[in-house]
Amino acid sequence: MNPVEITKDNFQHEVVESDTPVLLDFWAGWCGPCRAVAPALERIAAEYDGRLKVGKVNVDIERELASAFQVSSIPLIALVRDGKVVQARAGAAPKDALERAFALADLPAKAA
């Protein structure tokens, strides 16, 4: 599955009501580190499909969401479970570092 574009209009459904944890990427098109981490997040979205949702929040467009998450530096990647941030980190990182930082290997197996 590809990352999902998260907006204020779909946030409730895609993030708060999600059956799986959501890894949110707060980014902007002009941000070099944001573009650098995007391929890693796309691979994570594909590999963890059904166990994790990856969402992308463009901070230039979704200023209300960026403010609600107190985003002061991008990229900011936040893991959300049951509508609450359980962990967040700023800065780009390779796929394996993101997997370790957010303990993605510990996610429950995909439902049959």
PDB file of N, CA and C in Angstrom:
ATOM      1  N   MET A   1       0.847  -1.183   0.000  1.00  0.00           N
ATOM      2  CA  MET A   1       0.000   0.000   0.000  1.00  0.00           C
ATOM      3  C   MET A   1       0.887   1.239   0.000  1.00  0.00           C
ATOM      4  N   ASN A   2       0.476   2.249  -0.714  1.00  0.00           N
ATOM      5  CA  ASN A   2       1.196   3.510  -0.750  1.00  0.00           C
ATOM      6  C   ASN A   2       0.821   4.359   0.450  1.00  0.00           C
ATOM      7  N   PRO A   3       1.687   5.304   0.817  1.00  0.00           N
ATOM      8  CA  PRO A   3       1.305   6.242   1.878  1.00  0.00           C
ATOM      9  C   PRO A   3       0.017   6.974   1.509  1.00  0.00           C
ATOM     10  N   VAL A   4      -0.751   7.307   2.533  1.00  0.00           N
ATOM     11  CA  VAL A   4      -2.039   7.980   2.357  1.00  0.00           C
ATOM     12  C   VAL A   4      -1.857   9.466   2.654  1.00  0.00           C
ATOM     13  N   GLU A   5      -2.401  10.311   1.796  1.00  0.00           N
ATOM     14  CA  GLU A   5      -2.369  11.748   2.065  1.00  0.00           C
ATOM     15  C   GLU A   5      -3.369  12.042   3.185  1.00  0.00           C
ATOM     16  N   ILE A   6      -2.871  12.643   4.256  1.00  0.00           N
ATOM     17  CA  ILE A   6      -3.713  12.955   5.406  1.00  0.00           C
ATOM     18  C   ILE A   6      -4.040  14.446   5.393  1.00  0.00           C
ATOM     19  N   THR A   7      -5.327  14.735   5.500  1.00  0.00           N
ATOM     20  CA  THR A   7      -5.809  16.118   5.542  1.00  0.00           C
ATOM     21  C   THR A   7      -6.686  16.284   6.779  1.00  0.00           C
ATOM     22  N   LYS A   8      -7.034  17.516   7.069  1.00  0.00           N
ATOM     23  CA  LYS A   8      -7.932  17.727   8.215  1.00  0.00           C
ATOM     24  C   LYS A   8      -9.284  17.068   7.966  1.00  0.00           C
ATOM     25  N   ASP A   9      -9.659  16.925   6.684  1.00  0.00           N
ATOM     26  CA  ASP A   9     -10.948  16.325   6.351  1.00  0.00           C
ATOM     27  C   ASP A   9     -10.980  14.809   6.544  1.00  0.00           C
ATOM     28  N   ASN A  10      -9.839  14.123   6.344  1.00  0.00           N
ATOM     29  CA  ASN A  10      -9.844  12.664   6.487  1.00  0.00           C
ATOM     30  C   ASN A  10      -9.090  12.187   7.729  1.00  0.00           C
ATOM     31  N   PHE A  11      -8.565  13.096   8.520  1.00  0.00           N
ATOM     32  CA  PHE A  11      -7.767  12.737   9.693  1.00  0.00           C
ATOM     33  C   PHE A  11      -8.526  11.823  10.657  1.00  0.00           C
ATOM     34  N   GLN A  12      -9.745  12.148  10.966  1.00  0.00           N
ATOM     35  CA  GLN A  12     -10.535  11.340  11.907  1.00  0.00           C
ATOM     36  C   GLN A  12     -10.634   9.895  11.418  1.00  0.00           C
ATOM     37  N   HIS A  13     -11.011   9.731  10.172  1.00  0.00           N
ATOM     38  CA  HIS A  13     -11.190   8.388   9.613  1.00  0.00           C
ATOM     39  C   HIS A  13      -9.864   7.652   9.435  1.00  0.00           C
ATOM     40  N   GLU A  14      -8.887   8.309   8.808  1.00  0.00           N
ATOM     41  CA  GLU A  14      -7.635   7.645   8.446  1.00  0.00           C
ATOM     42  C   GLU A  14      -6.683   7.432   9.622  1.00  0.00           C
ATOM     43  N   VAL A  15      -6.741   8.299  10.630  1.00  0.00           N
ATOM     44  CA  VAL A  15      -5.782   8.209  11.735  1.00  0.00           C
ATOM     45  C   VAL A  15      -6.471   7.798  13.034  1.00  0.00           C
ATOM     46  N   VAL A  16      -7.413   8.589  13.499  1.00  0.00           N
ATOM     47  CA  VAL A  16      -8.045   8.331  14.802  1.00  0.00           C
ATOM     48  C   VAL A  16      -8.798   7.005  14.800  1.00  0.00           C
ATOM     49  N   GLU A  17      -9.531   6.723  13.736  1.00  0.00           N
ATOM     50  CA  GLU A  17     -10.344   5.503  13.671  1.00  0.00           C
ATOM     51  C   GLU A  17      -9.623   4.331  13.003  1.00  0.00           C
ATOM     52  N   SER A  18      -8.344   4.469  12.724  1.00  0.00           N
ATOM     53  CA  SER A  18      -7.594   3.411  12.041  1.00  0.00           C
ATOM     54  C   SER A  18      -7.507   2.160  12.906  1.00  0.00           C
ATOM     55  N   ASP A  19      -7.677   1.001  12.267  1.00  0.00           N
ATOM     56  CA  ASP A  19      -7.554  -0.287  12.963  1.00  0.00           C
ATOM     57  C   ASP A  19      -6.097  -0.641  13.240  1.00  0.00           C
ATOM     58  N   THR A  20      -5.176   0.039  12.563  1.00  0.00           N
ATOM     59  CA  THR A  20      -3.753  -0.221  12.732  1.00  0.00           C
ATOM     60  C   THR A  20      -3.059   1.062  13.179  1.00  0.00           C
ATOM     61  N   PRO A  21      -1.870   0.941  13.756  1.00  0.00           N
ATOM     62  CA  PRO A  21      -1.107   2.152  14.066  1.00  0.00           C
ATOM     63  C   PRO A  21      -0.833   2.932  12.778  1.00  0.00           C
ATOM     64  N   VAL A  22      -0.615   4.232  12.918  1.00  0.00           N
ATOM     65  CA  VAL A  22      -0.357   5.096  11.770  1.00  0.00           C
ATOM     66  C   VAL A  22       0.981   5.800  11.982  1.00  0.00           C
ATOM     67  N   LEU A  23       1.856   5.693  11.001  1.00  0.00           N
ATOM     68  CA  LEU A  23       3.122   6.398  11.014  1.00  0.00           C
ATOM     69  C   LEU A  23       2.924   7.644  10.170  1.00  0.00           C
ATOM     70  N   LEU A  24       2.857   8.806  10.824  1.00  0.00           N
ATOM     71  CA  LEU A  24       2.608  10.064  10.123  1.00  0.00           C
ATOM     72  C   LEU A  24       3.921  10.749   9.783  1.00  0.00           C
ATOM     73  N   ASP A  25       4.035  11.175   8.547  1.00  0.00           N
ATOM     74  CA  ASP A  25       5.193  11.915   8.055  1.00  0.00           C
ATOM     75  C   ASP A  25       4.752  13.348   7.797  1.00  0.00           C
ATOM     76  N   PHE A  26       5.213  14.265   8.631  1.00  0.00           N
ATOM     77  CA  PHE A  26       4.955  15.691   8.426  1.00  0.00           C
ATOM     78  C   PHE A  26       6.082  16.218   7.548  1.00  0.00           C
ATOM     79  N   TRP A  27       5.738  16.722   6.369  1.00  0.00           N
ATOM     80  CA  TRP A  27       6.726  17.064   5.358  1.00  0.00           C
ATOM     81  C   TRP A  27       6.313  18.305   4.582  1.00  0.00           C
ATOM     82  N   ALA A  28       7.209  18.760   3.703  1.00  0.00           N
ATOM     83  CA  ALA A  28       6.915  19.849   2.762  1.00  0.00           C
ATOM     84  C   ALA A  28       7.724  19.591   1.496  1.00  0.00           C
ATOM     85  N   GLY A  29       7.206  20.029   0.378  1.00  0.00           N
ATOM     86  CA  GLY A  29       7.860  19.795  -0.904  1.00  0.00           C
ATOM     87  C   GLY A  29       9.223  20.449  -1.037  1.00  0.00           C
ATOM     88  N   TRP A  30       9.441  21.544  -0.354  1.00  0.00           N
ATOM     89  CA  TRP A  30      10.710  22.263  -0.440  1.00  0.00           C
ATOM     90  C   TRP A  30      11.779  21.690   0.497  1.00  0.00           C
ATOM     91  N   CYS A  31      11.437  20.708   1.308  1.00  0.00           N
ATOM     92  CA  CYS A  31      12.321  20.167   2.343  1.00  0.00           C
ATOM     93  C   CYS A  31      13.151  19.004   1.799  1.00  0.00           C
ATOM     94  N   GLY A  32      14.465  19.207   1.671  1.00  0.00           N
ATOM     95  CA  GLY A  32      15.358  18.165   1.168  1.00  0.00           C
ATOM     96  C   GLY A  32      15.342  16.897   2.005  1.00  0.00           C
ATOM     97  N   PRO A  33      15.489  16.993   3.334  1.00  0.00           N
ATOM     98  CA  PRO A  33      15.436  15.780   4.146  1.00  0.00           C
ATOM     99  C   PRO A  33      14.087  15.054   4.045  1.00  0.00           C
ATOM    100  N   CYS A  34      13.012  15.799   3.831  1.00  0.00           N
ATOM    101  CA  CYS A  34      11.693  15.173   3.659  1.00  0.00           C
ATOM    102  C   CYS A  34      11.685  14.312   2.401  1.00  0.00           C
ATOM    103  N   ARG A  35      12.257  14.847   1.328  1.00  0.00           N
ATOM    104  CA  ARG A  35      12.326  14.088   0.077  1.00  0.00           C
ATOM    105  C   ARG A  35      13.259  12.884   0.235  1.00  0.00           C
ATOM    106  N   ALA A  36      14.301  13.033   1.047  1.00  0.00           N
ATOM    107  CA  ALA A  36      15.255  11.938   1.244  1.00  0.00           C
ATOM    108  C   ALA A  36      14.632  10.757   1.991  1.00  0.00           C
ATOM    109  N   VAL A  37      13.750  11.023   2.947  1.00  0.00           N
ATOM    110  CA  VAL A  37      13.156   9.948   3.746  1.00  0.00           C
ATOM    111  C   VAL A  37      11.935   9.321   3.053  1.00  0.00           C
ATOM    112  N   ALA A  38      11.392   9.973   2.055  1.00  0.00           N
ATOM    113  CA  ALA A  38      10.173   9.488   1.394  1.00  0.00           C
ATOM    114  C   ALA A  38      10.296   8.065   0.845  1.00  0.00           C
ATOM    115  N   PRO A  39      11.389   7.696   0.156  1.00  0.00           N
ATOM    116  CA  PRO A  39      11.469   6.308  -0.337  1.00  0.00           C
ATOM    117  C   PRO A  39      11.458   5.274   0.787  1.00  0.00           C
ATOM    118  N   ALA A  40      12.096   5.564   1.903  1.00  0.00           N
ATOM    119  CA  ALA A  40      12.090   4.634   3.042  1.00  0.00           C
ATOM    120  C   ALA A  40      10.664   4.455   3.561  1.00  0.00           C
ATOM    121  N   LEU A  41       9.919   5.542   3.646  1.00  0.00           N
ATOM    122  CA  LEU A  41       8.541   5.461   4.136  1.00  0.00           C
ATOM    123  C   LEU A  41       7.648   4.718   3.147  1.00  0.00           C
ATOM    124  N   GLU A  42       7.914   4.872   1.858  1.00  0.00           N
ATOM    125  CA  GLU A  42       7.149   4.128   0.853  1.00  0.00           C
ATOM    126  C   GLU A  42       7.410   2.630   0.984  1.00  0.00           C
ATOM    127  N   ARG A  43       8.661   2.245   1.221  1.00  0.00           N
ATOM    128  CA  ARG A  43       8.982   0.821   1.404  1.00  0.00           C
ATOM    129  C   ARG A  43       8.339   0.293   2.685  1.00  0.00           C
ATOM    130  N   ILE A  44       8.357   1.088   3.749  1.00  0.00           N
ATOM    131  CA  ILE A  44       7.708   0.678   4.998  1.00  0.00           C
ATOM    132  C   ILE A  44       6.217   0.490   4.765  1.00  0.00           C
ATOM    133  N   ALA A  45       5.583   1.419   4.042  1.00  0.00           N
ATOM    134  CA  ALA A  45       4.148   1.311   3.757  1.00  0.00           C
ATOM    135  C   ALA A  45       3.839   0.007   3.033  1.00  0.00           C
ATOM    136  N   ALA A  46       4.684  -0.371   2.087  1.00  0.00           N
ATOM    137  CA  ALA A  46       4.454  -1.601   1.318  1.00  0.00           C
ATOM    138  C   ALA A  46       4.716  -2.843   2.172  1.00  0.00           C
ATOM    139  N   GLU A  47       5.803  -2.848   2.907  1.00  0.00           N
ATOM    140  CA  GLU A  47       6.178  -4.035   3.686  1.00  0.00           C
ATOM    141  C   GLU A  47       5.271  -4.294   4.888  1.00  0.00           C
ATOM    142  N   TYR A  48       4.732  -3.245   5.466  1.00  0.00           N
ATOM    143  CA  TYR A  48       3.911  -3.399   6.673  1.00  0.00           C
ATOM    144  C   TYR A  48       2.419  -3.225   6.381  1.00  0.00           C
ATOM    145  N   ASP A  49       2.054  -3.315   5.109  1.00  0.00           N
ATOM    146  CA  ASP A  49       0.655  -3.188   4.700  1.00  0.00           C
ATOM    147  C   ASP A  49      -0.218  -4.151   5.513  1.00  0.00           C
ATOM    148  N   GLY A  50      -1.291  -3.636   6.079  1.00  0.00           N
ATOM    149  CA  GLY A  50      -2.197  -4.436   6.899  1.00  0.00           C
ATOM    150  C   GLY A  50      -1.834  -4.427   8.371  1.00  0.00           C
ATOM    151  N   ARG A  51      -0.603  -4.016   8.677  1.00  0.00           N
ATOM    152  CA  ARG A  51      -0.135  -3.952  10.071  1.00  0.00           C
ATOM    153  C   ARG A  51       0.115  -2.514  10.513  1.00  0.00           C
ATOM    154  N   LEU A  52       0.332  -1.635   9.527  1.00  0.00           N
ATOM    155  CA  LEU A  52       0.691  -0.238   9.776  1.00  0.00           C
ATOM    156  C   LEU A  52       0.238   0.584   8.587  1.00  0.00           C
ATOM    157  N   LYS A  53      -0.265   1.757   8.852  1.00  0.00           N
ATOM    158  CA  LYS A  53      -0.617   2.690   7.783  1.00  0.00           C
ATOM    159  C   LYS A  53       0.410   3.820   7.825  1.00  0.00           C
ATOM    160  N   VAL A  54       0.886   4.230   6.667  1.00  0.00           N
ATOM    161  CA  VAL A  54       1.783   5.379   6.580  1.00  0.00           C
ATOM    162  C   VAL A  54       0.990   6.530   5.982  1.00  0.00           C
ATOM    163  N   GLY A  55       0.982   7.652   6.684  1.00  0.00           N
ATOM    164  CA  GLY A  55       0.269   8.832   6.222  1.00  0.00           C
ATOM    165  C   GLY A  55       1.213  10.001   6.046  1.00  0.00           C
ATOM    166  N   LYS A  56       0.946  10.827   5.053  1.00  0.00           N
ATOM    167  CA  LYS A  56       1.776  11.995   4.793  1.00  0.00           C
ATOM    168  C   LYS A  56       0.945  13.263   4.989  1.00  0.00           C
ATOM    169  N   VAL A  57       1.484  14.179   5.800  1.00  0.00           N
ATOM    170  CA  VAL A  57       0.819  15.447   6.079  1.00  0.00           C
ATOM    171  C   VAL A  57       1.700  16.569   5.540  1.00  0.00           C
ATOM    172  N   ASN A  58       1.230  17.252   4.503  1.00  0.00           N
ATOM    173  CA  ASN A  58       1.968  18.384   3.949  1.00  0.00           C
ATOM    174  C   ASN A  58       1.728  19.590   4.866  1.00  0.00           C
ATOM    175  N   VAL A  59       2.778  20.008   5.575  1.00  0.00           N
ATOM    176  CA  VAL A  59       2.622  21.066   6.580  1.00  0.00           C
ATOM    177  C   VAL A  59       2.292  22.418   5.970  1.00  0.00           C
ATOM    178  N   ASP A  60       2.622  22.627   4.694  1.00  0.00           N
ATOM    179  CA  ASP A  60       2.286  23.892   4.048  1.00  0.00           C
ATOM    180  C   ASP A  60       0.795  23.995   3.742  1.00  0.00           C
ATOM    181  N   ILE A  61       0.156  22.857   3.540  1.00  0.00           N
ATOM    182  CA  ILE A  61      -1.270  22.831   3.220  1.00  0.00           C
ATOM    183  C   ILE A  61      -2.108  22.579   4.470  1.00  0.00           C
ATOM    184  N   GLU A  62      -1.646  21.658   5.303  1.00  0.00           N
ATOM    185  CA  GLU A  62      -2.397  21.253   6.502  1.00  0.00           C
ATOM    186  C   GLU A  62      -1.812  21.900   7.759  1.00  0.00           C
ATOM    187  N   ARG A  63      -1.861  23.219   7.780  1.00  0.00           N
ATOM    188  CA  ARG A  63      -1.277  23.975   8.901  1.00  0.00           C
ATOM    189  C   ARG A  63      -1.951  23.670  10.238  1.00  0.00           C
ATOM    190  N   GLU A  64      -3.262  23.407  10.206  1.00  0.00           N
ATOM    191  CA  GLU A  64      -3.976  23.080  11.450  1.00  0.00           C
ATOM    192  C   GLU A  64      -3.454  21.779  12.064  1.00  0.00           C
ATOM    193  N   LEU A  65      -3.233  20.775  11.229  1.00  0.00           N
ATOM    194  CA  LEU A  65      -2.704  19.502  11.735  1.00  0.00           C
ATOM    195  C   LEU A  65      -1.278  19.688  12.238  1.00  0.00           C
ATOM    196  N   ALA A  66      -0.468  20.418  11.498  1.00  0.00           N
ATOM    197  CA  ALA A  66       0.913  20.661  11.929  1.00  0.00           C
ATOM    198  C   ALA A  66       0.924  21.381  13.274  1.00  0.00           C
ATOM    199  N   SER A  67       0.035  22.318  13.442  1.00  0.00           N
ATOM    200  CA  SER A  67      -0.062  23.040  14.715  1.00  0.00           C
ATOM    201  C   SER A  67      -0.542  22.119  15.832  1.00  0.00           C
ATOM    202  N   ALA A  68      -1.523  21.298  15.551  1.00  0.00           N
ATOM    203  CA  ALA A  68      -2.059  20.380  16.560  1.00  0.00           C
ATOM    204  C   ALA A  68      -0.984  19.405  17.045  1.00  0.00           C
ATOM    205  N   PHE A  69      -0.066  19.026  16.151  1.00  0.00           N
ATOM    206  CA  PHE A  69       1.015  18.106  16.509  1.00  0.00           C
ATOM    207  C   PHE A  69       2.269  18.853  16.951  1.00  0.00           C
ATOM    208  N   GLN A  70       2.169  20.178  17.044  1.00  0.00           N
ATOM    209  CA  GLN A  70       3.277  21.031  17.484  1.00  0.00           C
ATOM    210  C   GLN A  70       4.539  20.781  16.661  1.00  0.00           C
ATOM    211  N   VAL A  71       4.376  20.707  15.359  1.00  0.00           N
ATOM    212  CA  VAL A  71       5.502  20.481  14.462  1.00  0.00           C
ATOM    213  C   VAL A  71       6.338  21.752  14.376  1.00  0.00           C
ATOM    214  N   SER A  72       7.593  21.649  14.789  1.00  0.00           N
ATOM    215  CA  SER A  72       8.490  22.793  14.712  1.00  0.00           C
ATOM    216  C   SER A  72       9.686  22.510  13.815  1.00  0.00           C
ATOM    217  N   SER A  73       9.858  21.255  13.411  1.00  0.00           N
ATOM    218  CA  SER A  73      10.954  20.845  12.547  1.00  0.00           C
ATOM    219  C   SER A  73      10.457  19.697  11.677  1.00  0.00           C
ATOM    220  N   ILE A  74      10.849  19.721  10.394  1.00  0.00           N
ATOM    221  CA  ILE A  74      10.440  18.640   9.503  1.00  0.00           C
ATOM    222  C   ILE A  74      11.668  18.037   8.842  1.00  0.00           C
ATOM    223  N   PRO A  75      11.599  16.784   8.443  1.00  0.00           N
ATOM    224  CA  PRO A  75      10.455  15.910   8.631  1.00  0.00           C
ATOM    225  C   PRO A  75      10.281  15.529  10.100  1.00  0.00           C
ATOM    226  N   LEU A  76       9.045  15.440  10.512  1.00  0.00           N
ATOM    227  CA  LEU A  76       8.690  14.909  11.827  1.00  0.00           C
ATOM    228  C   LEU A  76       7.880  13.653  11.552  1.00  0.00           C
ATOM    229  N   ILE A  77       8.321  12.558  12.128  1.00  0.00           N
ATOM    230  CA  ILE A  77       7.622  11.294  11.944  1.00  0.00           C
ATOM    231  C   ILE A  77       7.066  10.876  13.290  1.00  0.00           C
ATOM    232  N   ALA A  78       5.754  10.628  13.324  1.00  0.00           N
ATOM    233  CA  ALA A  78       5.078  10.305  14.584  1.00  0.00           C
ATOM    234  C   ALA A  78       4.293   9.012  14.435  1.00  0.00           C
ATOM    235  N   LEU A  79       4.393   8.164  15.439  1.00  0.00           N
ATOM    236  CA  LEU A  79       3.608   6.933  15.483  1.00  0.00           C
ATOM    237  C   LEU A  79       2.366   7.198  16.316  1.00  0.00           C
ATOM    238  N   VAL A  80       1.199   6.960  15.721  1.00  0.00           N
ATOM    239  CA  VAL A  80      -0.080   7.233  16.370  1.00  0.00           C
ATOM    240  C   VAL A  80      -0.830   5.917  16.545  1.00  0.00           C
ATOM    241  N   ARG A  81      -1.262   5.672  17.780  1.00  0.00           N
ATOM    242  CA  ARG A  81      -2.103   4.498  18.087  1.00  0.00           C
ATOM    243  C   ARG A  81      -3.344   5.010  18.792  1.00  0.00           C
ATOM    244  N   ASP A  82      -4.494   4.537  18.356  1.00  0.00           N
ATOM    245  CA  ASP A  82      -5.768   4.930  18.963  1.00  0.00           C
ATOM    246  C   ASP A  82      -5.899   6.451  19.056  1.00  0.00           C
ATOM    247  N   GLY A  83      -5.418   7.142  18.022  1.00  0.00           N
ATOM    248  CA  GLY A  83      -5.554   8.592  17.953  1.00  0.00           C
ATOM    249  C   GLY A  83      -4.562   9.376  18.787  1.00  0.00           C
ATOM    250  N   LYS A  84      -3.619   8.701  19.446  1.00  0.00           N
ATOM    251  CA  LYS A  84      -2.658   9.383  20.307  1.00  0.00           C
ATOM    252  C   LYS A  84      -1.228   9.116  19.844  1.00  0.00           C
ATOM    253  N   VAL A  85      -0.398  10.159  19.889  1.00  0.00           N
ATOM    254  CA  VAL A  85       1.008  10.009  19.537  1.00  0.00           C
ATOM    255  C   VAL A  85       1.690   9.209  20.639  1.00  0.00           C
ATOM    256  N   VAL A  86       2.313   8.113  20.271  1.00  0.00           N
ATOM    257  CA  VAL A  86       3.043   7.300  21.242  1.00  0.00           C
ATOM    258  C   VAL A  86       4.542   7.507  21.124  1.00  0.00           C
ATOM    259  N   GLN A  87       4.976   8.032  19.976  1.00  0.00           N
ATOM    260  CA  GLN A  87       6.391   8.285  19.784  1.00  0.00           C
ATOM    261  C   GLN A  87       6.559   9.193  18.578  1.00  0.00           C
ATOM    262  N   ALA A  88       7.574  10.050  18.624  1.00  0.00           N
ATOM    263  CA  ALA A  88       7.853  10.933  17.492  1.00  0.00           C
ATOM    264  C   ALA A  88       9.349  11.207  17.425  1.00  0.00           C
ATOM    265  N   ARG A  89       9.807  11.468  16.218  1.00  0.00           N
ATOM    266  CA  ARG A  89      11.204  11.850  16.035  1.00  0.00           C
ATOM    267  C   ARG A  89      11.313  12.778  14.839  1.00  0.00           C
ATOM    268  N   ALA A  90      12.200  13.744  14.954  1.00  0.00           N
ATOM    269  CA  ALA A  90      12.436  14.690  13.872  1.00  0.00           C
ATOM    270  C   ALA A  90      13.661  14.250  13.085  1.00  0.00           C
ATOM    271  N   GLY A  91      13.660  14.561  11.814  1.00  0.00           N
ATOM    272  CA  GLY A  91      14.811  14.288  10.967  1.00  0.00           C
ATOM    273  C   GLY A  91      14.637  13.065  10.100  1.00  0.00           C
ATOM    274  N   ALA A  92      15.404  13.062   9.007  1.00  0.00           N
ATOM    275  CA  ALA A  92      15.375  11.936   8.076  1.00  0.00           C
ATOM    276  C   ALA A  92      16.233  10.807   8.640  1.00  0.00           C
ATOM    277  N   ALA A  93      15.863   9.592   8.299  1.00  0.00           N
ATOM    278  CA  ALA A  93      16.617   8.419   8.724  1.00  0.00           C
ATOM    279  C   ALA A  93      16.384   7.319   7.700  1.00  0.00           C
ATOM    280  N   PRO A  94      17.328   6.390   7.577  1.00  0.00           N
ATOM    281  CA  PRO A  94      17.111   5.269   6.658  1.00  0.00           C
ATOM    282  C   PRO A  94      16.038   4.321   7.190  1.00  0.00           C
ATOM    283  N   LYS A  95      15.555   3.465   6.323  1.00  0.00           N
ATOM    284  CA  LYS A  95      14.457   2.544   6.644  1.00  0.00           C
ATOM    285  C   LYS A  95      14.752   1.723   7.894  1.00  0.00           C
ATOM    286  N   ASP A  96      15.931   1.120   7.981  1.00  0.00           N
ATOM    287  CA  ASP A  96      16.225   0.269   9.133  1.00  0.00           C
ATOM    288  C   ASP A  96      16.239   1.055  10.438  1.00  0.00           C
ATOM    289  N   ALA A  97      16.696   2.291  10.401  1.00  0.00           N
ATOM    290  CA  ALA A  97      16.689   3.121  11.609  1.00  0.00           C
ATOM    291  C   ALA A  97      15.263   3.470  12.026  1.00  0.00           C
ATOM    292  N   LEU A  98      14.397   3.731  11.052  1.00  0.00           N
ATOM    293  CA  LEU A  98      12.991   4.008  11.361  1.00  0.00           C
ATOM    294  C   LEU A  98      12.310   2.770  11.943  1.00  0.00           C
ATOM    295  N   GLU A  99      12.599   1.616  11.358  1.00  0.00           N
ATOM    296  CA  GLU A  99      12.017   0.367  11.868  1.00  0.00           C
ATOM    297  C   GLU A  99      12.427   0.130  13.317  1.00  0.00           C
ATOM    298  N   ARG A 100      13.688   0.387  13.633  1.00  0.00           N
ATOM    299  CA  ARG A 100      14.156   0.215  15.019  1.00  0.00           C
ATOM    300  C   ARG A 100      13.548   1.277  15.934  1.00  0.00           C
ATOM    301  N   ALA A 101      13.568   2.527  15.502  1.00  0.00           N
ATOM    302  CA  ALA A 101      13.092   3.632  16.338  1.00  0.00           C
ATOM    303  C   ALA A 101      11.626   3.460  16.739  1.00  0.00           C
ATOM    304  N   PHE A 102      10.826   2.928  15.823  1.00  0.00           N
ATOM    305  CA  PHE A 102       9.407   2.779  16.085  1.00  0.00           C
ATOM    306  C   PHE A 102       9.009   1.325  16.374  1.00  0.00           C
ATOM    307  N   ALA A 103      10.001   0.460  16.579  1.00  0.00           N
ATOM    308  CA  ALA A 103       9.788  -0.958  16.918  1.00  0.00           C
ATOM    309  C   ALA A 103       8.770  -1.608  15.972  1.00  0.00           C
ATOM    310  N   LEU A 104       8.945  -1.402  14.682  1.00  0.00           N
ATOM    311  CA  LEU A 104       7.972  -1.924  13.719  1.00  0.00           C
ATOM    312  C   LEU A 104       7.970  -3.441  13.662  1.00  0.00           C
ATOM    313  N   ALA A 105       9.094  -4.071  13.966  1.00  0.00           N
ATOM    314  CA  ALA A 105       9.134  -5.535  13.975  1.00  0.00           C
ATOM    315  C   ALA A 105       8.212  -6.115  15.037  1.00  0.00           C
ATOM    316  N   ASP A 106       7.872  -5.321  16.031  1.00  0.00           N
ATOM    317  CA  ASP A 106       6.995  -5.780  17.118  1.00  0.00           C
ATOM    318  C   ASP A 106       5.509  -5.635  16.812  1.00  0.00           C
ATOM    319  N   LEU A 107       5.173  -5.092  15.644  1.00  0.00           N
ATOM    320  CA  LEU A 107       3.754  -4.942  15.300  1.00  0.00           C
ATOM    321  C   LEU A 107       3.105  -6.309  15.170  1.00  0.00           C
ATOM    322  N   PRO A 108       1.848  -6.422  15.559  1.00  0.00           N
ATOM    323  CA  PRO A 108       1.148  -7.702  15.407  1.00  0.00           C
ATOM    324  C   PRO A 108       1.109  -8.130  13.952  1.00  0.00           C
ATOM    325  N   ALA A 109       1.036  -9.418  13.738  1.00  0.00           N
ATOM    326  CA  ALA A 109       0.966  -9.978  12.385  1.00  0.00           C
ATOM    327  C   ALA A 109      -0.299  -9.472  11.685  1.00  0.00           C
ATOM    328  N   LYS A 110      -0.236  -9.436  10.380  1.00  0.00           N
ATOM    329  CA  LYS A 110      -1.379  -9.003   9.569  1.00  0.00           C
ATOM    330  C   LYS A 110      -2.556  -9.953   9.783  1.00  0.00           C
ATOM    331  N   ALA A 111      -3.726  -9.394   9.970  1.00  0.00           N
ATOM    332  CA  ALA A 111      -4.937 -10.213  10.167  1.00  0.00           C
ATOM    333  C   ALA A 111      -5.243 -10.978   8.887  1.00  0.00           C
ATOM    334  N   ALA A 112      -5.696 -12.189   9.054  1.00  0.00           N
ATOM    335  CA  ALA A 112      -5.998 -13.046   7.888  1.00  0.00           C
ATOM    336  C   ALA A 112      -7.313 -12.666   7.260  1.00  0.00           C
TER     337      ALA A 112
END
